[in-house]
N, C-alpha and C. Protein backbone atom coordinates (compact mmCIF):
# COMPACT_ATOMS: atom_id res chain seq x y z
N MET A 1 -8.02 -34.29 0.20
CA MET A 1 -7.68 -34.31 -1.54
C MET A 1 -9.41 -33.71 -1.88
N GLU A 2 -9.67 -32.48 -3.08
CA GLU A 2 -10.72 -32.32 -3.26
C GLU A 2 -10.72 -33.09 -4.62
N GLU A 3 -12.33 -33.41 -4.14
CA GLU A 3 -13.39 -34.43 -5.25
C GLU A 3 -13.26 -33.64 -5.84
N PRO A 4 -13.34 -34.74 -7.22
CA PRO A 4 -13.63 -34.61 -8.85
C PRO A 4 -14.94 -33.66 -9.12
N GLN A 5 -15.21 -32.70 -9.68
CA GLN A 5 -16.18 -31.54 -10.35
C GLN A 5 -17.52 -33.06 -10.36
N ARG A 6 -17.52 -34.45 -11.21
CA ARG A 6 -18.48 -34.96 -11.70
C ARG A 6 -17.11 -35.87 -11.87
N ALA A 7 -17.63 -37.38 -11.11
CA ALA A 7 -17.20 -38.85 -10.59
C ALA A 7 -18.66 -40.20 -10.01
N VAL A 8 -18.72 -40.65 -10.74
CA VAL A 8 -18.95 -42.34 -10.43
C VAL A 8 -18.32 -42.35 -8.84
N ARG A 9 -19.55 -42.04 -8.21
CA ARG A 9 -19.36 -42.58 -6.58
C ARG A 9 -19.85 -43.89 -6.24
N ALA A 10 -19.16 -45.27 -5.94
CA ALA A 10 -20.61 -46.39 -5.78
C ALA A 10 -19.56 -47.41 -4.83
N LEU A 11 -20.63 -47.70 -4.61
CA LEU A 11 -20.45 -49.38 -3.64
C LEU A 11 -20.41 -50.53 -4.66
N HIS A 12 -18.85 -50.30 -4.68
CA HIS A 12 -19.12 -51.86 -6.18
C HIS A 12 -17.38 -52.81 -5.92
N THR A 13 -17.97 -53.48 -6.21
CA THR A 13 -17.11 -55.08 -6.36
C THR A 13 -16.16 -54.92 -8.10
N GLU A 14 -15.67 -56.21 -7.62
CA GLU A 14 -15.26 -56.52 -8.77
C GLU A 14 -16.02 -56.61 -10.22
N SER A 15 -17.57 -57.01 -9.83
CA SER A 15 -18.38 -57.57 -10.73
C SER A 15 -19.49 -56.82 -10.64
N THR A 16 -19.66 -56.41 -9.29
CA THR A 16 -20.88 -55.50 -9.17
C THR A 16 -21.26 -54.14 -8.88
N ILE A 17 -21.81 -53.52 -9.72
CA ILE A 17 -22.30 -51.97 -8.98
C ILE A 17 -23.08 -51.65 -7.76
N THR A 18 -23.63 -51.43 -6.86
CA THR A 18 -24.41 -51.02 -6.36
C THR A 18 -25.71 -49.48 -7.03
N VAL A 19 -26.66 -49.35 -6.79
CA VAL A 19 -27.31 -48.18 -7.41
C VAL A 19 -28.81 -48.33 -6.37
N TYR A 20 -29.35 -47.18 -6.45
CA TYR A 20 -30.32 -47.43 -5.67
C TYR A 20 -31.33 -46.53 -6.32
N GLN A 21 -32.66 -47.23 -5.33
CA GLN A 21 -34.42 -46.77 -6.11
C GLN A 21 -35.18 -46.83 -5.29
N ALA A 22 -36.24 -46.12 -5.22
CA ALA A 22 -37.17 -46.00 -3.92
C ALA A 22 -38.50 -46.50 -5.08
N TYR A 23 -39.27 -47.24 -4.18
CA TYR A 23 -40.79 -47.44 -4.41
C TYR A 23 -41.60 -47.42 -3.71
N SER A 24 -42.99 -47.87 -3.98
CA SER A 24 -44.05 -47.67 -3.41
C SER A 24 -43.64 -48.96 -2.71
N PRO A 25 -44.25 -49.91 -1.16
CA PRO A 25 -44.33 -50.81 -1.04
C PRO A 25 -44.68 -52.05 -2.42
N GLU A 26 -46.26 -51.93 -2.91
CA GLU A 26 -46.69 -52.77 -3.81
C GLU A 26 -45.70 -53.32 -4.63
N ILE A 27 -44.79 -51.90 -5.04
CA ILE A 27 -43.58 -52.98 -6.20
C ILE A 27 -42.10 -53.13 -4.93
N GLY A 28 -41.96 -52.28 -4.12
CA GLY A 28 -40.07 -52.96 -3.50
C GLY A 28 -40.29 -53.97 -2.33
N ILE A 29 -41.62 -54.27 -2.17
CA ILE A 29 -41.46 -55.21 -1.10
C ILE A 29 -41.28 -56.49 -2.30
N PRO A 30 -42.21 -56.91 -2.83
CA PRO A 30 -42.01 -58.41 -4.05
C PRO A 30 -40.96 -57.96 -5.06
N ALA A 31 -40.36 -57.70 -5.00
CA ALA A 31 -38.92 -56.90 -5.77
C ALA A 31 -37.91 -57.94 -5.03
N VAL A 32 -37.75 -57.48 -3.38
CA VAL A 32 -36.59 -57.73 -2.60
C VAL A 32 -37.64 -59.39 -1.88
N ARG A 33 -38.62 -59.68 -2.33
CA ARG A 33 -38.90 -61.08 -1.76
C ARG A 33 -38.56 -62.01 -2.78
N GLU A 34 -38.87 -61.48 -4.10
CA GLU A 34 -38.65 -62.15 -5.14
C GLU A 34 -37.51 -62.52 -6.31
N GLY A 35 -36.45 -60.85 -5.27
CA GLY A 35 -34.65 -60.85 -6.34
C GLY A 35 -35.10 -60.74 -7.48
N ARG A 36 -36.27 -59.87 -8.36
CA ARG A 36 -36.04 -59.45 -9.15
C ARG A 36 -37.83 -58.49 -8.61
N PHE A 37 -37.56 -57.69 -10.04
CA PHE A 37 -38.60 -56.82 -10.48
C PHE A 37 -40.40 -57.48 -10.67
N PRO A 38 -41.07 -57.32 -9.99
CA PRO A 38 -42.72 -57.51 -10.03
C PRO A 38 -43.34 -57.38 -11.39
N ALA A 39 -44.02 -57.85 -12.01
CA ALA A 39 -44.68 -57.88 -13.82
C ALA A 39 -45.37 -56.43 -13.14
N ALA A 40 -45.76 -55.77 -11.75
CA ALA A 40 -46.09 -54.02 -11.59
C ALA A 40 -45.21 -53.50 -12.66
N TRP A 41 -43.77 -53.46 -11.85
CA TRP A 41 -43.04 -52.93 -12.62
C TRP A 41 -42.45 -52.11 -13.96
N LYS A 42 -42.40 -51.70 -14.27
CA LYS A 42 -42.85 -50.58 -16.03
C LYS A 42 -41.74 -51.01 -16.80
N ARG A 43 -41.78 -51.90 -17.58
CA ARG A 43 -40.09 -51.90 -18.31
C ARG A 43 -40.59 -50.94 -19.21
N ASP A 44 -41.46 -50.15 -19.71
CA ASP A 44 -41.84 -49.57 -20.78
C ASP A 44 -41.32 -48.00 -20.70
N ARG A 45 -41.06 -47.88 -19.20
CA ARG A 45 -41.17 -46.35 -18.79
C ARG A 45 -39.47 -45.86 -18.50
N MET A 46 -38.90 -45.03 -18.77
CA MET A 46 -37.69 -44.57 -17.57
C MET A 46 -37.39 -44.63 -17.20
N THR A 47 -36.37 -45.43 -16.31
CA THR A 47 -36.78 -45.48 -14.72
C THR A 47 -35.05 -45.02 -14.36
N TRP A 48 -34.95 -44.25 -13.38
CA TRP A 48 -33.57 -43.30 -12.98
C TRP A 48 -33.17 -44.23 -11.87
N ILE A 49 -31.42 -44.65 -12.19
CA ILE A 49 -30.79 -45.69 -10.75
C ILE A 49 -29.73 -44.39 -10.62
N LYS A 50 -29.29 -44.56 -8.97
CA LYS A 50 -28.84 -43.74 -8.57
C LYS A 50 -27.65 -44.15 -7.38
N PRO A 51 -25.89 -44.21 -7.79
CA PRO A 51 -25.20 -45.31 -7.53
C PRO A 51 -24.75 -44.37 -5.84
N SER A 52 -25.12 -42.97 -6.19
CA SER A 52 -25.27 -42.22 -4.47
C SER A 52 -26.42 -42.72 -3.38
N PHE A 53 -26.02 -42.72 -2.36
CA PHE A 53 -26.97 -43.40 -1.28
C PHE A 53 -27.55 -42.07 -1.31
N LEU A 54 -26.56 -40.95 -0.96
CA LEU A 54 -27.21 -40.12 -0.47
C LEU A 54 -27.94 -39.09 -1.39
N TRP A 55 -27.82 -39.09 -2.28
CA TRP A 55 -28.66 -38.69 -3.21
C TRP A 55 -30.21 -39.34 -3.22
N MET A 56 -30.07 -40.51 -2.88
CA MET A 56 -31.40 -41.17 -3.42
C MET A 56 -31.96 -40.80 -1.98
N MET A 57 -31.32 -40.45 -0.87
CA MET A 57 -32.40 -40.08 -0.11
C MET A 57 -32.87 -38.52 0.58
N TYR A 58 -31.82 -37.78 -0.52
CA TYR A 58 -32.83 -36.43 -1.26
C TYR A 58 -33.59 -37.20 -1.80
N ARG A 59 -33.84 -37.57 -2.79
CA ARG A 59 -35.07 -37.75 -3.64
C ARG A 59 -36.07 -38.16 -3.19
N CYS A 60 -35.66 -39.22 -2.59
CA CYS A 60 -37.15 -39.93 -1.97
C CYS A 60 -37.67 -38.95 -0.32
N GLY A 61 -36.64 -38.41 0.35
CA GLY A 61 -36.86 -37.62 1.52
C GLY A 61 -36.38 -38.14 2.69
N TRP A 62 -35.54 -39.44 2.75
CA TRP A 62 -35.25 -40.45 3.87
C TRP A 62 -36.70 -41.76 3.60
N ALA A 63 -37.21 -41.69 2.51
CA ALA A 63 -38.13 -42.88 2.48
C ALA A 63 -39.33 -42.35 2.94
N THR A 64 -39.76 -40.85 2.89
CA THR A 64 -41.23 -40.86 3.88
C THR A 64 -41.78 -40.53 2.59
N LYS A 65 -41.44 -40.36 1.13
CA LYS A 65 -42.03 -39.33 0.17
C LYS A 65 -43.25 -40.08 -0.64
N ALA A 66 -44.24 -40.04 -0.62
CA ALA A 66 -44.99 -41.22 -1.27
C ALA A 66 -44.93 -41.61 -2.45
N GLY A 67 -44.97 -42.85 -2.36
CA GLY A 67 -43.96 -43.85 -3.48
C GLY A 67 -42.78 -43.98 -3.55
N GLN A 68 -42.20 -43.77 -2.45
CA GLN A 68 -40.81 -44.12 -2.38
C GLN A 68 -40.49 -44.15 -0.83
N GLU A 69 -41.53 -45.17 -0.40
CA GLU A 69 -41.66 -44.88 1.20
C GLU A 69 -40.20 -46.88 1.08
N THR A 70 -40.16 -47.72 0.10
CA THR A 70 -39.23 -48.85 0.43
C THR A 70 -37.98 -48.29 -0.28
N VAL A 71 -36.70 -48.37 0.00
CA VAL A 71 -35.60 -47.71 -0.57
C VAL A 71 -35.26 -49.22 -0.80
N LEU A 72 -35.05 -49.69 -2.25
CA LEU A 72 -33.87 -50.61 -2.47
C LEU A 72 -32.47 -50.73 -3.09
N ALA A 73 -31.86 -51.44 -2.60
CA ALA A 73 -30.59 -50.97 -2.80
C ALA A 73 -30.38 -52.11 -4.32
N ILE A 74 -30.14 -52.56 -5.51
CA ILE A 74 -30.17 -53.25 -6.54
C ILE A 74 -28.80 -52.99 -7.24
N GLU A 75 -27.88 -54.21 -6.91
CA GLU A 75 -26.83 -54.43 -6.96
C GLU A 75 -26.97 -55.12 -8.56
N ILE A 76 -26.71 -54.43 -9.29
CA ILE A 76 -26.43 -54.93 -10.93
C ILE A 76 -24.77 -55.52 -10.92
N THR A 77 -24.73 -55.75 -12.73
CA THR A 77 -22.90 -56.67 -13.50
C THR A 77 -22.52 -55.24 -13.51
N ARG A 78 -21.39 -54.99 -13.68
CA ARG A 78 -20.96 -53.73 -14.07
C ARG A 78 -20.78 -53.31 -15.70
N ASP A 79 -20.36 -55.37 -16.05
CA ASP A 79 -20.85 -54.95 -17.74
C ASP A 79 -22.53 -54.02 -18.30
N GLY A 80 -23.26 -54.73 -17.16
CA GLY A 80 -24.14 -54.23 -17.16
C GLY A 80 -24.46 -52.67 -17.01
N PHE A 81 -24.03 -51.98 -16.22
CA PHE A 81 -24.15 -50.72 -15.98
C PHE A 81 -23.40 -49.46 -17.22
N GLU A 82 -21.71 -50.83 -17.46
CA GLU A 82 -20.82 -50.05 -18.71
C GLU A 82 -21.52 -50.13 -19.87
N TRP A 83 -22.35 -51.08 -20.50
CA TRP A 83 -22.94 -50.90 -21.50
C TRP A 83 -24.12 -49.47 -21.72
N ALA A 84 -24.41 -49.45 -20.42
CA ALA A 84 -26.25 -48.45 -20.33
C ALA A 84 -25.00 -47.04 -20.31
N LEU A 85 -23.83 -47.06 -19.93
CA LEU A 85 -22.97 -45.58 -20.03
C LEU A 85 -23.07 -45.69 -21.36
N ARG A 86 -21.89 -46.65 -22.38
CA ARG A 86 -21.53 -46.51 -23.63
C ARG A 86 -22.99 -45.90 -24.14
N HIS A 87 -23.76 -46.45 -23.94
CA HIS A 87 -24.85 -46.12 -24.64
C HIS A 87 -25.88 -45.05 -24.31
N ALA A 88 -25.28 -44.16 -24.27
CA ALA A 88 -26.38 -43.16 -22.95
C ALA A 88 -25.92 -41.99 -23.52
N CYS A 89 -26.85 -40.65 -23.71
CA CYS A 89 -26.82 -39.34 -24.07
C CYS A 89 -26.80 -38.63 -23.12
N LEU A 90 -26.00 -37.21 -22.85
CA LEU A 90 -26.24 -36.48 -22.26
C LEU A 90 -27.58 -35.90 -21.84
N SER A 91 -28.66 -36.04 -21.20
CA SER A 91 -29.82 -35.56 -20.82
C SER A 91 -30.15 -34.06 -20.99
N SER A 92 -28.61 -33.25 -21.23
CA SER A 92 -29.23 -32.27 -21.47
C SER A 92 -27.70 -31.94 -22.33
N TYR A 93 -27.95 -30.45 -23.39
CA TYR A 93 -27.55 -29.85 -24.40
C TYR A 93 -26.57 -29.17 -23.97
N VAL A 94 -25.22 -29.78 -24.36
CA VAL A 94 -23.67 -28.39 -23.44
C VAL A 94 -23.04 -28.52 -25.57
N ARG A 95 -23.14 -27.05 -24.98
CA ARG A 95 -22.43 -25.93 -26.36
C ARG A 95 -20.72 -27.03 -26.26
N GLY A 96 -20.48 -27.85 -27.01
CA GLY A 96 -18.71 -27.44 -27.31
C GLY A 96 -18.89 -29.60 -27.00
N VAL A 97 -19.54 -30.02 -26.78
CA VAL A 97 -20.27 -31.29 -25.91
C VAL A 97 -20.82 -32.22 -27.25
N HIS A 98 -22.00 -31.70 -27.77
CA HIS A 98 -22.41 -31.51 -28.82
C HIS A 98 -22.66 -31.08 -30.16
N PRO A 99 -21.98 -31.49 -31.76
CA PRO A 99 -21.95 -30.55 -32.35
C PRO A 99 -22.89 -29.18 -32.39
N ASP A 100 -24.83 -29.90 -32.15
CA ASP A 100 -25.82 -28.57 -32.90
C ASP A 100 -26.77 -29.12 -31.64
N LEU A 101 -27.80 -28.28 -31.17
CA LEU A 101 -28.71 -28.58 -30.84
C LEU A 101 -29.54 -29.73 -31.23
N SER A 102 -29.95 -29.85 -32.72
CA SER A 102 -30.29 -30.66 -33.32
C SER A 102 -29.80 -32.47 -32.99
N THR A 103 -28.81 -32.06 -33.61
CA THR A 103 -27.75 -33.66 -33.05
C THR A 103 -27.77 -34.16 -32.03
N TRP A 104 -27.76 -33.28 -30.94
CA TRP A 104 -27.92 -33.92 -29.48
C TRP A 104 -29.41 -34.11 -29.09
N GLN A 105 -30.98 -33.43 -29.79
CA GLN A 105 -31.81 -34.24 -29.72
C GLN A 105 -32.12 -34.82 -31.00
N ARG A 106 -31.46 -35.42 -31.41
CA ARG A 106 -31.67 -37.20 -32.32
C ARG A 106 -31.16 -38.31 -31.47
N GLN A 107 -29.81 -37.52 -30.57
CA GLN A 107 -29.06 -38.44 -30.03
C GLN A 107 -30.13 -39.07 -28.99
N LEU A 108 -30.14 -38.09 -28.47
CA LEU A 108 -31.73 -38.09 -27.44
C LEU A 108 -32.50 -39.19 -27.18
N LYS A 109 -33.22 -39.08 -28.38
CA LYS A 109 -34.50 -39.43 -29.20
C LYS A 109 -33.68 -41.23 -29.13
N ARG A 110 -32.83 -41.83 -29.63
CA ARG A 110 -32.01 -42.66 -29.90
C ARG A 110 -31.56 -43.48 -28.64
N ALA A 111 -31.07 -42.50 -27.57
CA ALA A 111 -30.44 -43.19 -25.98
C ALA A 111 -31.43 -44.65 -25.96
N PRO A 112 -30.63 -45.41 -25.55
CA PRO A 112 -31.85 -45.50 -24.15
C PRO A 112 -31.47 -45.71 -22.99
N ALA A 113 -29.92 -44.62 -22.95
CA ALA A 113 -29.95 -44.03 -21.74
C ALA A 113 -29.50 -42.67 -21.31
N ARG A 114 -29.55 -42.19 -19.97
CA ARG A 114 -29.52 -40.79 -19.70
C ARG A 114 -28.75 -40.71 -18.82
N ILE A 115 -27.18 -39.82 -19.39
CA ILE A 115 -26.74 -39.44 -18.04
C ILE A 115 -26.72 -38.41 -17.90
N GLN A 116 -26.95 -37.71 -16.16
CA GLN A 116 -27.91 -36.47 -15.78
C GLN A 116 -26.42 -36.41 -14.49
N TRP A 117 -26.13 -35.41 -14.39
CA TRP A 117 -25.01 -35.12 -12.98
C TRP A 117 -25.94 -33.60 -12.52
N ASP A 118 -26.16 -34.52 -11.42
CA ASP A 118 -27.21 -33.83 -10.27
C ASP A 118 -25.86 -33.28 -8.99
N PRO A 119 -26.13 -32.05 -8.08
CA PRO A 119 -25.16 -31.73 -6.61
C PRO A 119 -25.16 -32.76 -6.17
N GLU A 120 -23.94 -33.80 -5.63
CA GLU A 120 -24.11 -34.66 -4.24
C GLU A 120 -24.26 -33.52 -2.98
N ARG A 121 -24.97 -34.91 -2.61
CA ARG A 121 -25.49 -34.46 -0.84
C ARG A 121 -25.04 -34.67 0.23
N ASP A 122 -25.05 -33.73 1.17
CA ASP A 122 -24.26 -34.50 3.00
C ASP A 122 -25.31 -35.00 3.49
N LEU A 123 -24.97 -35.19 4.66
CA LEU A 123 -25.88 -36.68 5.79
C LEU A 123 -27.24 -35.04 5.73
N ARG A 124 -26.85 -33.62 6.07
CA ARG A 124 -28.53 -32.98 6.37
C ARG A 124 -28.80 -32.87 4.60
N LEU A 125 -28.49 -33.38 3.50
CA LEU A 125 -29.41 -33.77 2.36
C LEU A 125 -28.84 -31.77 1.45
N ARG A 126 -28.27 -31.01 2.10
CA ARG A 126 -27.95 -30.04 1.46
C ARG A 126 -26.49 -30.21 0.36
N PRO A 127 -26.64 -29.38 -0.83
CA PRO A 127 -26.30 -29.55 -1.93
C PRO A 127 -24.40 -29.56 -1.58
N LEU A 128 -23.40 -30.06 -2.11
CA LEU A 128 -22.22 -29.86 -2.75
C LEU A 128 -21.54 -29.52 -3.36
N THR A 129 -20.50 -29.13 -3.85
CA THR A 129 -19.74 -28.32 -4.68
C THR A 129 -19.80 -29.48 -5.90
N TYR A 130 -19.39 -30.57 -6.01
CA TYR A 130 -19.41 -31.71 -6.75
C TYR A 130 -20.76 -32.43 -7.79
N ARG A 131 -20.80 -33.37 -8.36
CA ARG A 131 -21.55 -34.03 -8.91
C ARG A 131 -22.06 -35.25 -8.73
N SER A 132 -23.07 -36.22 -8.21
CA SER A 132 -22.95 -37.23 -8.86
C SER A 132 -24.06 -37.89 -9.85
N LEU A 133 -23.65 -39.13 -10.56
CA LEU A 133 -24.27 -39.28 -11.40
C LEU A 133 -25.96 -40.09 -11.53
N GLN A 134 -26.59 -39.88 -11.81
CA GLN A 134 -27.85 -40.24 -12.30
C GLN A 134 -27.44 -40.69 -13.28
N LEU A 135 -28.63 -42.49 -13.68
CA LEU A 135 -28.71 -43.36 -14.89
C LEU A 135 -30.21 -43.28 -15.43
N GLY A 136 -30.64 -42.59 -16.21
CA GLY A 136 -31.74 -43.02 -16.67
C GLY A 136 -31.67 -43.69 -18.07
N LEU A 137 -32.71 -44.77 -17.43
CA LEU A 137 -32.71 -46.27 -18.31
C LEU A 137 -33.98 -46.39 -19.16
N SER A 138 -34.19 -46.16 -20.26
CA SER A 138 -35.28 -46.42 -21.24
C SER A 138 -35.12 -47.84 -22.19
N GLY A 139 -36.40 -47.99 -22.67
CA GLY A 139 -36.49 -49.51 -23.96
C GLY A 139 -35.71 -50.89 -23.65
N GLU A 140 -34.65 -50.62 -24.53
CA GLU A 140 -33.23 -51.69 -24.30
C GLU A 140 -33.02 -51.78 -22.76
N ALA A 141 -32.51 -51.13 -22.42
CA ALA A 141 -31.32 -50.61 -21.20
C ALA A 141 -32.34 -50.99 -19.70
N ALA A 142 -34.00 -50.44 -19.77
CA ALA A 142 -34.94 -50.64 -18.92
C ALA A 142 -35.07 -51.88 -18.69
N LYS A 143 -35.42 -52.93 -19.69
CA LYS A 143 -35.27 -54.36 -20.35
C LYS A 143 -34.04 -55.27 -19.09
N ARG A 144 -33.11 -55.03 -19.98
CA ARG A 144 -32.40 -55.57 -19.35
C ARG A 144 -31.52 -54.99 -18.28
N TYR A 145 -31.53 -54.23 -17.38
CA TYR A 145 -31.46 -53.90 -16.22
C TYR A 145 -32.39 -54.81 -15.60
N ALA A 146 -33.36 -54.53 -15.63
CA ALA A 146 -34.17 -55.52 -14.96
C ALA A 146 -34.53 -57.46 -14.97
N ASP A 147 -34.59 -57.51 -16.43
CA ASP A 147 -34.14 -59.12 -16.67
C ASP A 147 -32.92 -59.68 -16.64
N GLU A 148 -31.91 -58.64 -16.85
CA GLU A 148 -30.72 -59.57 -16.73
C GLU A 148 -29.40 -58.65 -16.15
N TRP A 149 -29.32 -57.77 -15.88
CA TRP A 149 -28.35 -57.03 -15.14
C TRP A 149 -28.29 -57.14 -13.35
N ALA A 150 -29.86 -57.21 -13.66
CA ALA A 150 -29.78 -57.14 -11.65
C ALA A 150 -29.95 -58.61 -11.46
N VAL A 151 -29.13 -58.53 -10.21
CA VAL A 151 -28.53 -59.68 -9.78
C VAL A 151 -28.51 -59.92 -7.85
N ALA A 152 -29.80 -58.93 -7.31
CA ALA A 152 -29.26 -59.16 -5.84
C ALA A 152 -30.33 -57.52 -5.84
N ILE A 153 -31.31 -57.66 -5.31
CA ILE A 153 -32.26 -56.74 -4.42
C ILE A 153 -32.43 -56.93 -2.93
N SER A 154 -31.82 -55.42 -2.50
CA SER A 154 -32.50 -56.12 -0.70
C SER A 154 -32.75 -54.62 -0.04
N ASN A 155 -33.64 -54.93 0.46
CA ASN A 155 -34.27 -53.51 1.12
C ASN A 155 -33.51 -52.76 2.32
N VAL A 156 -33.26 -51.67 2.12
CA VAL A 156 -32.51 -50.43 2.71
C VAL A 156 -33.06 -49.66 3.15
N THR A 157 -34.06 -49.68 3.69
CA THR A 157 -35.46 -48.20 4.08
C THR A 157 -34.89 -48.58 5.64
N PRO A 158 -34.98 -49.68 6.58
CA PRO A 158 -34.66 -49.54 8.06
C PRO A 158 -32.65 -48.81 7.98
N LEU A 159 -32.43 -49.14 7.19
CA LEU A 159 -30.85 -48.63 7.10
C LEU A 159 -30.99 -46.85 6.54
N ALA A 160 -31.86 -46.26 6.16
CA ALA A 160 -32.17 -45.11 5.58
C ALA A 160 -33.05 -44.74 6.59
N GLN A 161 -33.80 -45.12 7.94
CA GLN A 161 -34.40 -44.30 8.61
C GLN A 161 -33.45 -44.17 9.67
N GLU A 162 -33.13 -44.92 10.20
CA GLU A 162 -31.57 -45.77 11.21
C GLU A 162 -30.41 -44.06 11.01
N ILE A 163 -30.33 -43.93 9.94
CA ILE A 163 -29.11 -42.53 9.79
C ILE A 163 -29.74 -41.73 10.18
N HIS A 164 -31.37 -41.61 9.80
CA HIS A 164 -31.97 -40.15 9.72
C HIS A 164 -32.00 -39.71 10.65
N GLU A 165 -32.68 -41.13 11.27
CA GLU A 165 -32.58 -40.78 13.25
C GLU A 165 -31.72 -40.18 13.88
N LEU A 166 -30.25 -40.54 13.48
CA LEU A 166 -28.61 -40.09 13.50
C LEU A 166 -28.95 -38.49 12.97
N VAL A 167 -28.95 -38.76 12.73
CA VAL A 167 -28.70 -37.17 11.42
C VAL A 167 -29.95 -36.25 12.68
N ARG A 168 -30.91 -36.33 12.69
CA ARG A 168 -31.68 -35.59 13.24
C ARG A 168 -31.79 -35.49 14.75
N ARG A 169 -30.96 -36.12 15.21
CA ARG A 169 -30.39 -36.31 15.86
C ARG A 169 -28.37 -35.30 16.73
N SER A 170 -28.54 -35.13 15.30
CA SER A 170 -27.20 -34.25 15.18
C SER A 170 -25.99 -35.31 15.47
N GLU A 171 -26.26 -36.58 15.16
CA GLU A 171 -24.49 -36.99 15.79
C GLU A 171 -24.36 -37.81 14.09
N LEU A 172 -24.01 -36.98 13.92
CA LEU A 172 -23.45 -37.43 12.32
C LEU A 172 -21.83 -37.65 11.99
N ASP A 173 -21.34 -38.23 13.22
CA ASP A 173 -20.06 -39.80 13.06
C ASP A 173 -21.18 -40.61 13.01
N ALA A 174 -21.71 -40.50 13.88
CA ALA A 174 -22.45 -42.24 13.97
C ALA A 174 -23.17 -42.51 12.18
N ALA A 175 -23.77 -41.37 12.34
CA ALA A 175 -24.54 -41.59 10.95
C ALA A 175 -23.42 -41.87 9.70
N ALA A 176 -22.45 -41.16 9.14
CA ALA A 176 -21.72 -41.63 8.76
C ALA A 176 -20.71 -42.52 8.51
N ALA A 177 -20.37 -43.00 9.98
CA ALA A 177 -20.60 -44.57 9.90
C ALA A 177 -21.09 -45.75 9.31
N LEU A 178 -22.62 -45.23 9.78
CA LEU A 178 -22.99 -46.32 8.81
C LEU A 178 -23.47 -46.34 7.52
N LEU A 179 -23.09 -45.22 6.63
CA LEU A 179 -23.01 -45.42 4.91
C LEU A 179 -22.47 -45.93 4.08
N PRO A 180 -22.78 -46.53 3.00
CA PRO A 180 -22.09 -47.63 2.11
C PRO A 180 -21.40 -46.67 1.85
N LYS A 181 -19.66 -47.76 1.68
CA LYS A 181 -19.00 -46.97 1.03
C LYS A 181 -18.39 -47.12 0.04
N GLU A 182 -19.16 -45.78 -0.09
CA GLU A 182 -18.79 -45.80 -1.91
C GLU A 182 -17.72 -44.93 -1.82
N ARG A 183 -16.86 -45.62 -3.03
CA ARG A 183 -15.45 -45.11 -3.99
C ARG A 183 -15.78 -44.58 -5.20
N PRO A 184 -14.97 -43.86 -5.26
CA PRO A 184 -14.63 -43.86 -6.98
C PRO A 184 -14.50 -44.82 -8.04
N TYR A 185 -15.50 -45.37 -9.06
CA TYR A 185 -15.86 -45.89 -10.02
C TYR A 185 -14.49 -46.20 -11.08
N PRO A 186 -13.71 -47.66 -11.26
CA PRO A 186 -13.30 -47.47 -11.79
C PRO A 186 -13.25 -46.82 -13.61
N ALA A 187 -13.72 -46.37 -14.47
CA ALA A 187 -14.27 -46.15 -15.34
C ALA A 187 -12.77 -45.71 -16.35
N GLY A 188 -12.37 -46.97 -17.23
CA GLY A 188 -11.24 -46.04 -18.38
C GLY A 188 -11.51 -44.92 -19.83
N ASP A 189 -10.73 -44.65 -20.42
CA ASP A 189 -11.47 -43.93 -20.96
C ASP A 189 -12.78 -43.80 -21.84
N GLU A 190 -12.98 -44.95 -22.54
CA GLU A 190 -14.17 -45.04 -22.94
C GLU A 190 -14.97 -44.32 -22.34
N LEU A 191 -15.30 -44.79 -21.05
CA LEU A 191 -16.55 -44.79 -20.12
C LEU A 191 -16.58 -43.40 -19.74
N GLN A 192 -14.99 -42.44 -19.87
CA GLN A 192 -14.51 -41.68 -19.48
C GLN A 192 -15.01 -40.28 -20.55
N ALA A 193 -15.14 -41.12 -21.75
CA ALA A 193 -15.51 -40.21 -22.75
C ALA A 193 -17.45 -40.12 -22.68
N ALA A 194 -17.85 -40.83 -21.92
CA ALA A 194 -19.26 -41.19 -22.10
C ALA A 194 -19.52 -40.06 -20.83
N LEU A 195 -19.39 -39.99 -20.39
CA LEU A 195 -19.69 -39.63 -19.11
C LEU A 195 -19.23 -38.09 -18.54
N ARG A 196 -18.60 -38.17 -19.94
CA ARG A 196 -18.56 -36.14 -19.71
C ARG A 196 -19.68 -35.38 -19.82
N PRO A 197 -19.73 -33.97 -20.06
CA PRO A 197 -18.43 -32.68 -20.12
C PRO A 197 -17.59 -32.57 -19.04
């Protein structure tokens, strides 16, 4: 079956969805230990969450990039995730979706969340033909994410390193078997409208 061009694929339960972020050990290790983001985590900055494990691996270079050596799996409430989607604006102007450029610019300035679609990645981190969601959170959304929505934070750096080593040895079936079981996220009409174009 062919993948839809844009869809949220994620590890999720009835009440939570798992997203990924990568941080320096100074942020990541205390977050795992305390089960919440430490004071050093800036609640007043835009933070990007990624439901796709492989897109996170592409972004952090399998946890090798400076400042991204600790990969976190953050389980957040679906209510929070969906609130962010309903209050989000696309990160770039799309003719036909937005009435005009200035309207989009006003929406972007006011929105506490941003939707961006980037090419999904395969195990070798090559771009695929379909796209995965990145969700940027700022202002109220970032504060809610850190202080209300996050219900569990775990360190998946060892998993990333194990999968990466299998990929390096061209053991792709074994690597694929270790990936988080991401499946389409159930988005009703309201969320589908928020997720377009």
